[in-house]
Structures are given as C-alpha cells and as structure tokens.
Amino acid sequence: MSTLEIGIVSFPALMALIFLRVPIGLAMFLVGLVGLVIVTDGTNVAFSRLKNETYTTFSSYSLSIVPMFLLMGHFATLGGMSTALFKAAEGFLGHRKGGVAMASIGACAGFGAICGSSLATAATMGRVALPELRRYGYAGGFSTATLAAGGTLGILIPPSVVLVIYAILTEQNIAKLFLAAFIPGLLAALGYVIAISIYVRLYPESAGTREPIPMGERFRNLVAVWPVLLVFGLVVGGIYAGWFTPTEGAAVGAAGTGLIALLNGGLTRSTLIESFLVTARSTAMIFFIVLGAAFYNGFLALTQVPQELSNWVVELGLSPWMVLSLILVFYLIFGCLMDSLSMILLTIPIFFPVISVLDFGMSAEEVAIWFGILVLIVVEVGLITPPVGMNLFIINAMDRTTRMIETYKAVLFFVGSDLVRVVILVMFPAITLFLVPN
C-alpha cells in the first residue's frame, strides 16, 4: 500500500473510532500516531514528532486567547450580564407577538459578544430566558428551539474561540476575521427574529403575550447593560484601534468582566475558584483536540493527501462555486454528528488547500476570510440540526417536560433561516468582506 493510500484509508478509520464514541481528540491522535509509524517504518520518527509537535502547537502565543475568552464568559455570567441583556431586550420586545422569544435572540447576540462559545451561550441564556418563556405561555418546543438557535450566535458574533483556531490553522489575521464575522452575525440574529415572526403567525397558540412595561423602566433596563457595551467596546474597539493585540484584548476583557462581577457581588472566593477550574477543564479539552488534530494533520501532510486532493479537484474541471457548494454540503451533513471545533480542526487542513487554488475573483486573503466565515456558519447549523444537534440536547436537558420531537419541528424554521443566509453570503461575498480593511 502506497503512502497516499495509507493517508486515504486513515479517514474512514478515524470516522469509525469517532462513531465508536472514542473522544475525537484521542481518535485523531491515535490515527496520526499509528499512521506515522506505518509510513516511516518505525517508531523513532513518530515519537520524535510527538515531542516536537506538542511543543510547536502549545508554544503558539495566539492559543492563549482561548482560556481568556472562556474565562470572560464565566465572569460575565457571574456579573449578571446575561440577565441584564434579557431584561433590556424583553422591555422593548416582550409585549409583541413572539416578543419574548425575540428578546431571547437579542440577549443571546449580546452575550455572544462577550462569550465566544456557542454551548456556553445556549446554556447561560437557557437558564435566564426559559422560565420567562414558559411563564408567558410559549410552547415548550418553540421555547427550546429558540434558545438552541440563539446559542449559535455565541460563536459567530466576535469574539469567537473557533475563529481563533481557524485563524491559526490558515495563518490569517484574527482581527480581520472578527470584523468579517460581525455583519453575518447580525444577519443571523435578524434572520432568527424573522423566523420567529413567521412561526408565531403560522402557530399563534405557541406564543403568549405580556403587558407592555413603562417606558421609564425600559430605559432603566437598557442602562443596566452598560457593562456589556463597555467590555465589548473595550475589547473589540481596542483591538481595531491598535491599543492591544487580540490576545491582550482577551486578557483585558477577562479582567474587566471579573471586576464587574466583583462589584456586582457575583464574584466571591468560591465562585472565582470554580471559574478557574471550569475554564481549565474546558481549555484542556480544547487543547487536547488541537494537539490530536495537529498530529493527524501532520501525518496527512506527510502522505500528500491534501495536495493530491487539490490537484484532483483542479483536474476535474468543476467550477469553483460547485466545489465550494459541495464542501459546504459536507459540513452541513457532518456538522450534525460532530462539534464545530472538531470539524474545523479535522477538515480545514484538507479543504483549505483545495479552496486556495480555486479562482473566485478575490485575493487569497479575502478568499480565506470569506471561506472561514462560511464554514463557521454551516458548522454551527449542525448544532441545531436533528438528530445530533448539541445545542438542542443542552436546552432540552433544562426542560424535561418538552419532548425532543417538538423541539425538532420548531427548530427547522431557524435552520431554514440559516440556509437562506448561507446562500446570500455565498452569492455576495462583499457582505462578509465589507468591514475588512484591505
């Protein structure tokens, strides 16, 4: 068996391990290690690479942004920012038909701007908004579907942990990727609001109404979200103003949210220790997946699979748009079965070289940024797509009275909104690249 054939066979072997419920980081690591031993006819090269790859991967300065963003999300929750965001949005939208659900989407978008994690956004806003939705007569499946979809905004609206990983894998500018994600993130929130409007008109019994609150109370609730605006403005604005790097911005954001949580009484010695422990566990999980992916992708590079795949696609003579569409469909399907970070780490080293050699009428950097946002969106759709949408299971675990099939039916409206958005962003790349400086 040739080296190339070994590389090709490794992918179904990896899929088999994943479907046998082997953790994906461990699965990629094992397949990469065994593959290197076979390709190099011994263990010396494989174990030497183990030492070098570990140091090379974790000595990346950019990776330190991951625990900072995770810690910032925990501090934001302790500081009551999620509750403040929901109350502010509910004050202006709650009295409308489907308004409390729309307020949940707005709060998820706001919390995503200081969190960077889809699952954390879904879980946090689920605790805040789910009781209110049930209180005002919203159907269980509609409520859980809304919060599951809103959670995906946590990873698209900058800052985003997955975008940081993508930037490292493709050697792109993190700040430019954050800028590129901003408009698609707002379009996602707008699309979800439209989906809610359509849903409550088709199924008017699924959403109750609440009395309008006085205008003075609305503005008091709006003023209460100033910490969110301050942190977001300081972190994102500081990065683009050149005051600090994205990594330094993440540290500033973590310190700022921690200070706000302390002033609000949510940060105590016990909650601080718990935040550090939760952040450490999440970071360790992410870093091990990164290491496994680095080892497996190093093995793939040695077998020349990505390069041969690129050459094969070019020789097929397919249009660049057809190739892009096929890749996005692949992400939509496998995104239902795997989490977004794992999908990015596993596939980008394979697909990015293919996209890089195709002519979309843009510069190489513009194609890389545009493709990254598209991939992030379609992978996130998998988080709310039956049968294995992670966000769906997280929200449904908070509401045991709602059957999963009810959530599946309602979430299809949000999936439809996502697919329309993907088509728009594919057809008009300028929407994604509008804020990105040349």
Protein backbone atom coordinates (compact mmCIF):
# COMPACT_ATOMS: atom_id res chain seq x y z
CA MET A 1 0.00 0.00 0.00
CA SER A 2 1.40 3.40 -1.01
CA THR A 3 1.81 6.34 1.35
CA LEU A 4 -1.08 8.15 -0.35
CA GLU A 5 -3.36 5.12 0.03
CA ILE A 6 -2.50 4.90 3.73
CA GLY A 7 -3.48 8.54 4.14
CA ILE A 8 -6.81 7.96 2.37
CA VAL A 9 -7.60 4.86 4.44
CA SER A 10 -6.88 6.78 7.66
CA PHE A 11 -10.01 8.91 7.25
CA PRO A 12 -12.59 6.08 7.39
CA ALA A 13 -10.55 4.58 10.23
CA LEU A 14 -10.85 7.87 12.09
CA MET A 15 -14.60 8.06 11.43
CA ALA A 16 -15.01 4.52 12.76
CA LEU A 17 -13.27 5.44 16.02
CA ILE A 18 -15.42 8.56 16.40
CA PHE A 19 -18.64 6.58 15.83
CA LEU A 20 -17.42 4.08 18.43
CA ARG A 21 -17.51 7.05 20.84
CA VAL A 22 -13.75 7.43 21.18
CA PRO A 23 -13.12 11.11 22.09
CA ILE A 24 -12.28 12.90 18.87
CA GLY A 25 -9.02 14.36 20.15
CA LEU A 26 -7.80 10.90 21.17
CA ALA A 27 -9.07 9.38 17.91
CA MET A 28 -7.13 11.87 15.77
CA PHE A 29 -4.04 11.43 17.92
CA LEU A 30 -4.10 7.61 17.70
CA VAL A 31 -4.74 7.51 13.96
CA GLY A 32 -1.99 10.08 13.36
CA LEU A 33 0.50 8.21 15.58
CA VAL A 34 -0.21 4.78 14.07
CA GLY A 35 -0.17 6.25 10.59
CA LEU A 36 3.24 7.83 11.16
CA VAL A 37 4.63 4.54 12.48
CA ILE A 38 3.41 2.73 9.35
CA VAL A 39 4.54 5.41 6.89
CA THR A 40 8.00 5.85 8.42
CA ASP A 41 8.55 2.11 9.12
CA GLY A 42 9.31 2.60 12.77
CA THR A 43 8.62 4.43 16.00
CA ASN A 44 11.59 6.81 16.15
CA VAL A 45 10.16 9.40 13.79
CA ALA A 46 6.67 9.11 15.26
CA PHE A 47 7.75 9.65 18.86
CA SER A 48 10.20 12.37 17.88
CA ARG A 49 7.34 14.14 16.16
CA LEU A 50 5.22 13.68 19.28
CA LYS A 51 7.71 15.72 21.26
CA ASN A 52 8.21 18.39 18.61
CA GLU A 53 4.52 18.68 17.67
CA THR A 54 3.47 19.15 21.28
CA TYR A 55 5.93 21.97 21.81
CA THR A 56 5.21 23.62 18.45
CA THR A 57 1.43 23.52 18.98
CA PHE A 58 1.27 24.82 22.53
CA SER A 59 4.03 27.40 22.18
CA SER A 60 1.70 29.38 19.90
CA TYR A 61 1.08 32.73 21.57
CA SER A 62 -2.29 33.04 19.85
CA LEU A 63 -3.69 29.98 21.64
CA SER A 64 -3.58 31.83 24.97
CA ILE A 65 -6.61 33.76 23.74
CA VAL A 66 -8.79 30.65 24.25
CA PRO A 67 -8.77 30.43 28.08
CA MET A 68 -9.13 34.21 28.33
CA PHE A 69 -12.33 34.25 26.27
CA LEU A 70 -13.70 31.25 28.17
CA LEU A 71 -12.96 32.93 31.50
CA MET A 72 -14.55 36.16 30.25
CA GLY A 73 -17.77 34.25 29.56
CA HIS A 74 -17.84 32.77 33.08
CA PHE A 75 -17.22 36.15 34.70
CA ALA A 76 -19.94 37.72 32.53
CA THR A 77 -22.44 35.19 33.84
CA LEU A 78 -21.40 35.82 37.44
CA GLY A 79 -21.74 39.55 36.87
CA GLY A 80 -25.41 39.18 35.90
CA MET A 81 -24.82 40.41 32.36
CA SER A 82 -26.94 37.68 30.79
CA THR A 83 -29.93 38.62 32.94
CA ALA A 84 -29.46 42.34 32.24
CA LEU A 85 -29.33 41.72 28.49
CA PHE A 86 -32.52 39.66 28.53
CA LYS A 87 -34.45 42.20 30.63
CA ALA A 88 -33.38 45.06 28.35
CA ALA A 89 -34.43 43.22 25.19
CA GLU A 90 -37.64 41.98 26.79
CA GLY A 91 -38.60 45.51 27.80
CA PHE A 92 -38.69 46.70 24.20
CA LEU A 93 -39.92 43.49 22.51
CA GLY A 94 -41.72 41.40 25.13
CA HIS A 95 -45.21 42.83 24.53
CA ARG A 96 -45.17 41.93 20.84
CA LYS A 97 -46.38 38.61 19.46
CA GLY A 98 -43.38 36.33 19.89
CA GLY A 99 -41.58 39.22 21.55
CA VAL A 100 -40.13 37.30 24.49
CA ALA A 101 -38.61 34.81 22.04
CA MET A 102 -37.19 37.73 20.01
CA ALA A 103 -35.79 39.19 23.22
CA SER A 104 -34.06 35.86 23.86
CA ILE A 105 -32.37 36.08 20.46
CA GLY A 106 -31.27 39.66 21.16
CA ALA A 107 -29.89 38.66 24.55
CA CYS A 108 -28.02 35.72 23.01
CA ALA A 109 -26.47 38.06 20.44
CA GLY A 110 -25.38 40.45 23.18
CA PHE A 111 -23.98 37.69 25.38
CA GLY A 112 -22.20 36.17 22.39
CA ALA A 113 -20.29 39.43 22.04
CA ILE A 114 -18.57 38.75 25.39
CA CYS A 115 -18.55 34.96 25.47
CA GLY A 116 -17.20 33.32 22.30
CA SER A 117 -18.77 29.90 22.93
CA SER A 118 -21.97 28.58 21.39
CA LEU A 119 -22.70 25.92 24.01
CA ALA A 120 -22.00 28.35 26.88
CA THR A 121 -24.31 30.97 25.36
CA ALA A 122 -27.11 28.42 24.92
CA ALA A 123 -26.74 27.08 28.46
CA THR A 124 -26.48 30.52 30.11
CA MET A 125 -29.36 32.13 28.27
CA GLY A 126 -31.42 28.97 28.71
CA ARG A 127 -31.27 29.39 32.48
CA VAL A 128 -32.28 33.05 32.19
CA ALA A 129 -34.90 33.03 29.43
CA LEU A 130 -36.55 29.61 29.58
CA PRO A 131 -38.55 30.32 32.78
CA GLU A 132 -39.81 33.60 31.28
CA LEU A 133 -40.85 31.94 28.04
CA ARG A 134 -42.83 29.31 29.91
CA ARG A 135 -44.29 31.94 32.22
CA TYR A 136 -45.88 33.79 29.31
CA GLY A 137 -47.34 30.72 27.65
CA TYR A 138 -44.77 29.90 25.00
CA ALA A 139 -44.90 26.31 23.73
CA GLY A 140 -42.11 24.08 25.02
CA GLY A 141 -40.72 23.07 21.61
CA PHE A 142 -40.78 26.65 20.35
CA SER A 143 -39.00 27.89 23.50
CA THR A 144 -36.23 25.30 23.41
CA ALA A 145 -35.72 25.69 19.66
CA THR A 146 -35.42 29.47 20.01
CA LEU A 147 -32.76 29.24 22.72
CA ALA A 148 -30.84 26.50 20.91
CA ALA A 149 -30.71 28.64 17.77
CA GLY A 150 -29.83 31.77 19.74
CA GLY A 151 -26.91 29.91 21.28
CA THR A 152 -25.22 29.60 17.89
CA LEU A 153 -24.77 33.39 17.88
CA GLY A 154 -22.24 32.95 20.68
CA ILE A 155 -19.63 31.60 18.33
CA LEU A 156 -20.31 33.78 15.29
CA ILE A 157 -20.52 37.25 16.80
CA PRO A 158 -16.95 38.18 17.76
CA PRO A 159 -15.06 37.30 19.82
CA SER A 160 -15.13 33.63 18.81
CA VAL A 161 -12.91 30.79 20.01
CA VAL A 162 -13.44 28.76 16.84
CA LEU A 163 -12.46 31.72 14.63
CA VAL A 164 -9.22 31.97 16.60
CA ILE A 165 -8.48 28.31 15.87
CA TYR A 166 -9.33 28.79 12.19
CA ALA A 167 -7.02 31.81 12.02
CA ILE A 168 -4.17 29.77 13.50
CA LEU A 169 -4.75 26.84 11.12
CA THR A 170 -4.87 29.03 8.00
CA GLU A 171 -2.39 31.69 9.20
CA GLN A 172 -4.93 34.51 8.88
CA ASN A 173 -5.31 37.75 10.82
CA ILE A 174 -7.57 37.19 13.86
CA ALA A 175 -8.75 40.80 13.97
CA LYS A 176 -9.83 40.73 10.31
CA LEU A 177 -11.76 37.51 10.86
CA PHE A 178 -13.57 39.09 13.82
CA LEU A 179 -14.53 42.05 11.63
CA ALA A 180 -15.72 39.75 8.84
CA ALA A 181 -17.96 37.83 11.26
CA PHE A 182 -19.74 40.92 12.54
CA ILE A 183 -22.25 41.53 9.72
CA PRO A 184 -23.04 37.80 9.21
CA GLY A 185 -23.64 37.60 12.97
CA LEU A 186 -26.13 40.48 12.85
CA LEU A 187 -27.80 38.91 9.81
CA ALA A 188 -28.14 35.67 11.79
CA ALA A 189 -29.91 37.46 14.65
CA LEU A 190 -32.18 39.29 12.19
CA GLY A 191 -32.96 36.04 10.38
CA TYR A 192 -33.92 34.35 13.63
CA VAL A 193 -36.25 37.22 14.53
CA ILE A 194 -37.92 36.89 11.12
CA ALA A 195 -38.21 33.12 11.64
CA ILE A 196 -39.95 33.74 14.98
CA SER A 197 -42.36 36.21 13.34
CA ILE A 198 -43.28 33.65 10.71
CA TYR A 199 -43.63 30.85 13.26
CA VAL A 200 -45.99 32.72 15.59
CA ARG A 201 -48.20 33.69 12.64
CA LEU A 202 -48.43 30.10 11.47
CA TYR A 203 -48.88 28.77 15.02
CA PRO A 204 -50.43 31.62 17.04
CA GLU A 205 -51.16 29.34 20.01
CA SER A 206 -47.42 28.69 20.51
CA ALA A 207 -46.68 32.17 21.91
CA GLY A 208 -48.44 34.13 24.63
CA THR A 209 -48.34 37.86 25.24
CA ARG A 210 -47.34 40.08 28.13
CA GLU A 211 -48.29 43.58 29.15
CA PRO A 212 -46.04 46.43 27.95
CA ILE A 213 -43.82 47.82 30.68
CA PRO A 214 -43.49 51.59 31.28
CA MET A 215 -41.02 53.44 29.10
CA GLY A 216 -39.05 54.59 32.13
CA GLU A 217 -38.45 51.00 33.24
CA ARG A 218 -37.42 50.07 29.71
CA PHE A 219 -34.69 52.68 29.68
CA ARG A 220 -33.54 51.71 33.17
CA ASN A 221 -33.14 48.14 31.94
CA LEU A 222 -31.29 49.42 28.89
CA VAL A 223 -28.89 51.43 31.03
CA ALA A 224 -28.20 48.28 33.07
CA VAL A 225 -26.44 46.67 30.11
CA TRP A 226 -23.66 49.28 30.09
CA PRO A 227 -21.10 46.71 31.38
CA VAL A 228 -21.67 44.59 28.26
CA LEU A 229 -21.23 47.57 25.96
CA LEU A 230 -18.16 48.69 27.92
CA VAL A 231 -16.45 45.29 27.73
CA PHE A 232 -17.32 44.73 24.07
CA GLY A 233 -16.26 48.25 23.11
CA LEU A 234 -13.03 47.98 25.07
CA VAL A 235 -12.05 44.57 23.73
CA VAL A 236 -13.14 44.80 20.10
CA GLY A 237 -12.59 48.55 19.79
CA GLY A 238 -9.19 48.29 21.44
CA ILE A 239 -8.10 45.57 19.03
CA TYR A 240 -9.08 47.57 15.93
CA ALA A 241 -7.70 50.82 17.34
CA GLY A 242 -4.34 49.12 17.76
CA TRP A 243 -4.24 49.54 21.53
CA PHE A 244 -3.53 45.85 22.01
CA THR A 245 -3.40 42.53 20.18
CA PRO A 246 -6.37 40.11 20.16
CA THR A 247 -4.67 38.05 22.87
CA GLU A 248 -4.11 41.11 25.04
CA GLY A 249 -7.69 42.18 24.31
CA ALA A 250 -8.98 38.84 25.60
CA ALA A 251 -7.00 39.31 28.81
CA VAL A 252 -8.35 42.85 29.21
CA GLY A 253 -11.88 41.55 28.64
CA ALA A 254 -11.46 38.80 31.24
CA ALA A 255 -10.12 41.29 33.77
CA GLY A 256 -12.92 43.76 33.00
CA THR A 257 -15.73 41.23 33.34
CA GLY A 258 -14.11 39.89 36.50
CA LEU A 259 -14.06 43.38 38.01
CA ILE A 260 -17.71 43.95 37.08
CA ALA A 261 -18.69 40.61 38.59
CA LEU A 262 -16.82 41.56 41.77
CA LEU A 263 -18.58 44.92 42.01
CA ASN A 264 -21.96 43.26 41.42
CA GLY A 265 -21.31 40.76 44.20
CA GLY A 266 -21.25 37.71 41.93
CA LEU A 267 -17.53 37.05 42.26
CA THR A 268 -16.51 35.52 45.55
CA ARG A 269 -13.59 33.35 46.51
CA SER A 270 -15.56 30.15 45.85
CA THR A 271 -17.01 31.32 42.51
CA LEU A 272 -13.58 32.58 41.42
CA ILE A 273 -12.00 29.20 42.10
CA GLU A 274 -14.88 27.45 40.34
CA SER A 275 -14.48 29.75 37.31
CA PHE A 276 -10.79 28.93 37.11
CA LEU A 277 -11.47 25.19 37.36
CA VAL A 278 -14.22 25.23 34.72
CA THR A 279 -12.03 27.31 32.41
CA ALA A 280 -9.08 24.96 32.96
CA ARG A 281 -11.17 21.88 32.17
CA SER A 282 -12.64 23.46 29.02
CA THR A 283 -9.23 24.69 27.90
CA ALA A 284 -7.63 21.28 28.48
CA MET A 285 -10.35 19.63 26.39
CA ILE A 286 -9.91 22.12 23.55
CA PHE A 287 -6.11 21.94 23.66
CA PHE A 288 -6.10 18.15 23.55
CA ILE A 289 -8.34 18.25 20.47
CA VAL A 290 -5.94 20.79 18.96
CA LEU A 291 -2.98 18.50 19.69
CA GLY A 292 -4.73 15.46 18.23
CA ALA A 293 -5.64 17.42 15.11
CA ALA A 294 -2.09 18.76 14.74
CA PHE A 295 -0.69 15.22 14.95
CA TYR A 296 -3.21 13.78 12.48
CA ASN A 297 -2.87 16.69 10.06
CA GLY A 298 0.92 16.37 10.20
CA PHE A 299 0.54 12.74 9.20
CA LEU A 300 -1.81 13.73 6.34
CA ALA A 301 0.68 16.30 5.08
CA LEU A 302 3.36 13.59 5.02
CA THR A 303 1.11 11.36 2.90
CA GLN A 304 0.41 14.23 0.47
CA VAL A 305 -3.39 13.70 0.71
CA PRO A 306 -4.32 17.43 0.81
CA GLN A 307 -2.04 18.26 -2.10
CA GLU A 308 -3.26 15.35 -4.21
CA LEU A 309 -6.87 16.21 -3.41
CA SER A 310 -6.28 19.79 -4.57
CA ASN A 311 -4.72 18.59 -7.83
CA TRP A 312 -7.57 16.11 -8.40
CA VAL A 313 -10.24 18.78 -7.89
CA VAL A 314 -8.49 21.12 -10.33
CA GLU A 315 -8.22 18.35 -12.94
CA LEU A 316 -11.95 17.60 -12.66
CA GLY A 317 -12.67 20.98 -14.20
CA LEU A 318 -15.56 21.77 -11.86
CA SER A 319 -16.42 25.42 -11.33
CA PRO A 320 -15.10 26.94 -8.10
CA TRP A 321 -18.68 27.60 -6.97
CA MET A 322 -19.63 23.94 -7.43
CA VAL A 323 -16.62 22.82 -5.38
CA LEU A 324 -17.47 25.33 -2.65
CA SER A 325 -21.10 24.16 -2.60
CA LEU A 326 -20.07 20.51 -2.24
CA ILE A 327 -17.75 21.36 0.64
CA LEU A 328 -20.46 23.34 2.42
CA VAL A 329 -22.94 20.47 1.99
CA PHE A 330 -20.35 18.15 3.51
CA TYR A 331 -20.04 20.45 6.51
CA LEU A 332 -23.83 20.63 6.90
CA ILE A 333 -24.11 16.84 6.99
CA PHE A 334 -21.17 16.06 9.26
CA GLY A 335 -21.89 19.08 11.43
CA CYS A 336 -24.94 17.14 12.64
CA LEU A 337 -22.64 14.47 14.05
CA MET A 338 -19.60 16.37 15.34
CA ASP A 339 -18.97 19.57 17.30
CA SER A 340 -17.82 22.69 15.47
CA LEU A 341 -14.27 22.82 16.83
CA SER A 342 -13.57 19.19 15.94
CA MET A 343 -14.93 19.69 12.44
CA ILE A 344 -12.79 22.76 11.87
CA LEU A 345 -9.62 21.09 13.13
CA LEU A 346 -10.21 17.89 11.19
CA THR A 347 -11.24 19.28 7.82
CA ILE A 348 -9.67 22.69 7.29
CA PRO A 349 -6.16 21.27 6.59
CA ILE A 350 -7.82 19.12 3.91
CA PHE A 351 -10.30 21.55 2.33
CA PHE A 352 -8.45 24.85 2.69
CA PRO A 353 -5.69 23.89 0.19
CA VAL A 354 -8.46 22.97 -2.27
CA ILE A 355 -10.22 26.31 -1.89
CA SER A 356 -6.91 28.19 -2.07
CA VAL A 357 -6.17 27.02 -5.62
CA LEU A 358 -9.60 27.99 -6.99
CA ASP A 359 -10.33 31.34 -8.63
CA PHE A 360 -13.23 33.25 -7.04
CA GLY A 361 -12.14 36.63 -8.37
CA MET A 362 -10.74 37.69 -4.99
CA SER A 363 -7.34 37.87 -3.35
CA ALA A 364 -6.07 34.83 -1.45
CA GLU A 365 -6.62 36.59 1.91
CA GLU A 366 -10.19 37.57 1.00
CA VAL A 367 -10.99 34.00 -0.04
CA ALA A 368 -9.55 32.64 3.21
CA ILE A 369 -11.59 35.04 5.35
CA TRP A 370 -14.80 34.55 3.37
CA PHE A 371 -14.43 30.76 3.40
CA GLY A 372 -13.76 30.77 7.14
CA ILE A 373 -16.99 32.62 7.89
CA LEU A 374 -19.00 30.34 5.60
CA VAL A 375 -17.55 27.23 7.23
CA LEU A 376 -18.23 28.60 10.70
CA ILE A 377 -21.87 29.27 9.80
CA VAL A 378 -22.62 25.88 8.24
CA VAL A 379 -20.86 24.02 11.05
CA GLU A 380 -22.90 25.96 13.58
CA VAL A 381 -26.09 24.98 11.74
CA GLY A 382 -25.17 21.43 12.71
CA LEU A 383 -25.55 22.38 16.37
CA ILE A 384 -29.29 22.85 15.85
CA THR A 385 -29.88 20.23 13.16
CA PRO A 386 -31.52 16.92 14.08
CA PRO A 387 -30.69 14.24 15.03
CA VAL A 388 -27.49 15.18 16.91
CA GLY A 389 -27.62 18.93 17.47
CA MET A 390 -25.59 19.64 20.61
CA ASN A 391 -27.46 22.86 21.44
CA LEU A 392 -30.78 21.04 21.19
CA PHE A 393 -29.74 18.50 23.80
CA ILE A 394 -28.35 21.16 26.15
CA ILE A 395 -31.58 23.19 26.12
CA ASN A 396 -33.86 20.15 26.28
CA ALA A 397 -31.95 18.93 29.32
CA MET A 398 -33.16 22.09 31.07
CA ASP A 399 -36.79 21.39 30.15
CA ARG A 400 -37.60 17.74 30.76
CA THR A 401 -41.29 18.34 30.08
CA THR A 402 -40.71 19.08 26.38
CA ARG A 403 -40.30 16.18 24.00
CA MET A 404 -37.32 16.35 21.68
CA ILE A 405 -39.55 15.85 18.62
CA GLU A 406 -41.33 19.12 19.46
CA THR A 407 -38.00 20.94 19.51
CA TYR A 408 -37.01 19.32 16.21
CA LYS A 409 -40.18 20.58 14.49
CA ALA A 410 -39.77 24.17 15.68
CA VAL A 411 -36.02 24.41 15.04
CA LEU A 412 -36.49 23.71 11.32
CA PHE A 413 -37.65 27.33 10.90
CA PHE A 414 -34.32 28.54 12.28
CA VAL A 415 -32.37 26.06 10.15
CA GLY A 416 -34.21 27.42 7.12
CA SER A 417 -33.16 30.94 8.09
CA ASP A 418 -29.54 29.78 8.34
CA LEU A 419 -29.61 28.14 4.92
CA VAL A 420 -31.00 31.30 3.31
CA ARG A 421 -28.22 33.30 4.98
CA VAL A 422 -25.56 30.90 3.68
CA VAL A 423 -26.88 31.26 0.12
CA ILE A 424 -26.83 35.06 0.41
CA LEU A 425 -23.27 35.13 1.76
CA VAL A 426 -22.08 32.72 -0.95
CA MET A 427 -23.66 34.82 -3.69
CA PHE A 428 -22.47 38.15 -2.27
CA PRO A 429 -19.01 37.80 -0.66
CA ALA A 430 -18.84 41.58 -0.29
CA ILE A 431 -21.28 41.37 2.62
CA THR A 432 -18.73 39.36 4.60
CA LEU A 433 -15.74 41.41 3.47
CA PHE A 434 -17.36 44.85 3.76
CA LEU A 435 -15.76 45.78 7.10
CA VAL A 436 -12.42 44.08 6.44
CA PRO A 437 -9.66 46.58 5.62
CA ASN A 438 -7.58 45.91 2.52
